[in-house]
Amino acid sequence: MPVQISPEALRRTEQRSIVLQLERLMGYPMVREQVDAQKMTLHGWHYVIEDGEIHVFDVKQGAFVPASVSSHSGTGPYLQYVEHDGQIIDQDIL
């Protein structure tokens, strides 16, 4: 008997995959340099076919929101690196 997965669980899995892809992209030094220099922005889009909408990852809210109401949809999420005593330390995801 097949396991039933709720539409909400599927949506969250799809969105988490998008966030992970953005995080991994920011792990490439060439991408991080361009983003930090504001020469490139990254966008995470989730197509909600049933609603006919695109949801974007709004890094400031830390959530997917409809593109029509998002105030910010670029660059993120990524780990913020800070220097402490000459060493680079991972911080929270922005």
Protein backbone atom coordinates (compact mmCIF):
# COMPACT_ATOMS: atom_id res chain seq x y z
CA MET A 1 0.00 0.00 0.00
CA PRO A 2 1.49 3.36 -1.03
CA VAL A 3 2.27 5.91 1.64
CA GLN A 4 0.17 9.05 1.44
CA ILE A 5 2.12 12.30 1.73
CA SER A 6 0.19 15.46 2.42
CA PRO A 7 0.34 18.35 -0.07
CA GLU A 8 1.78 20.51 2.72
CA ALA A 9 4.65 18.05 3.30
CA LEU A 10 5.39 17.99 -0.41
CA ARG A 11 5.38 21.80 -0.62
CA ARG A 12 7.75 22.11 2.34
CA THR A 13 10.08 19.49 0.87
CA GLU A 14 10.17 21.31 -2.46
CA GLN A 15 10.86 24.65 -0.76
CA ARG A 16 13.58 23.20 1.47
CA SER A 17 15.28 21.84 -1.63
CA ILE A 18 15.36 25.35 -3.11
CA VAL A 19 16.86 26.80 0.08
CA LEU A 20 19.53 24.08 0.15
CA GLN A 21 20.45 24.82 -3.47
CA LEU A 22 20.90 28.51 -2.64
CA GLU A 23 23.06 27.63 0.36
CA ARG A 24 25.23 25.35 -1.75
CA LEU A 25 25.65 27.98 -4.45
CA MET A 26 26.90 30.40 -1.82
CA GLY A 27 29.52 27.82 -0.85
CA TYR A 28 31.37 28.48 -4.11
CA PRO A 29 33.94 31.24 -3.52
CA MET A 30 33.38 32.76 -6.97
CA VAL A 31 29.63 33.03 -6.32
CA ARG A 32 30.05 34.39 -2.79
CA GLU A 33 32.51 37.05 -4.02
CA GLN A 34 30.09 38.24 -6.69
CA VAL A 35 27.14 38.28 -4.28
CA ASP A 36 29.14 40.06 -1.56
CA ALA A 37 30.26 42.65 -4.14
CA GLN A 38 26.59 43.07 -5.15
CA LYS A 39 27.42 42.10 -8.73
CA MET A 40 25.12 39.06 -8.58
CA THR A 41 21.93 38.15 -6.80
CA LEU A 42 20.46 34.71 -6.27
CA HIS A 43 16.74 34.02 -6.30
CA GLY A 44 14.84 30.98 -5.06
CA TRP A 45 11.49 30.53 -6.80
CA HIS A 46 8.82 27.97 -6.03
CA TYR A 47 6.08 27.54 -8.61
CA VAL A 48 2.69 26.84 -7.07
CA ILE A 49 0.92 25.43 -10.10
CA GLU A 50 -2.38 24.87 -8.30
CA ASP A 51 -2.62 28.58 -7.43
CA GLY A 52 -0.97 29.89 -10.58
CA GLU A 53 1.57 31.75 -8.43
CA ILE A 54 5.29 32.02 -8.00
CA HIS A 55 6.56 32.16 -4.43
CA VAL A 56 10.01 33.58 -3.83
CA PHE A 57 12.33 33.03 -0.92
CA ASP A 58 12.41 36.33 0.90
CA VAL A 59 15.69 36.28 2.79
CA LYS A 60 14.63 39.07 5.12
CA GLN A 61 11.52 37.17 6.22
CA GLY A 62 13.17 33.75 6.01
CA ALA A 63 10.13 32.37 4.20
CA PHE A 64 8.58 31.84 0.80
CA VAL A 65 6.06 34.54 -0.06
CA PRO A 66 4.03 35.29 -3.19
CA ALA A 67 6.19 37.28 -5.59
CA SER A 68 3.43 39.88 -5.87
CA VAL A 69 3.88 40.90 -2.21
CA SER A 70 7.57 40.25 -1.60
CA SER A 71 9.63 43.26 -0.64
CA HIS A 72 12.88 41.36 -1.15
CA SER A 73 13.53 38.23 -3.15
CA GLY A 74 17.22 38.28 -3.88
CA THR A 75 20.44 36.91 -2.51
CA GLY A 76 20.00 34.33 0.08
CA PRO A 77 19.84 32.41 2.12
CA TYR A 78 23.45 31.88 2.97
CA LEU A 79 25.70 31.38 5.90
CA GLN A 80 27.22 34.57 7.21
CA TYR A 81 30.88 34.21 7.96
CA VAL A 82 32.46 36.40 10.61
CA GLU A 83 36.03 36.68 11.73
CA HIS A 84 36.93 36.13 15.36
CA ASP A 85 40.53 36.12 16.54
CA GLY A 86 41.73 35.67 12.97
CA GLN A 87 39.48 32.69 12.28
CA ILE A 88 36.38 32.55 10.12
CA ILE A 89 33.32 31.25 11.95
CA ASP A 90 29.95 30.20 10.46
CA GLN A 91 27.00 32.15 11.79
CA ASP A 92 23.28 31.70 11.42
CA ILE A 93 21.69 31.50 8.00
CA LEU A 94 20.52 34.90 6.91
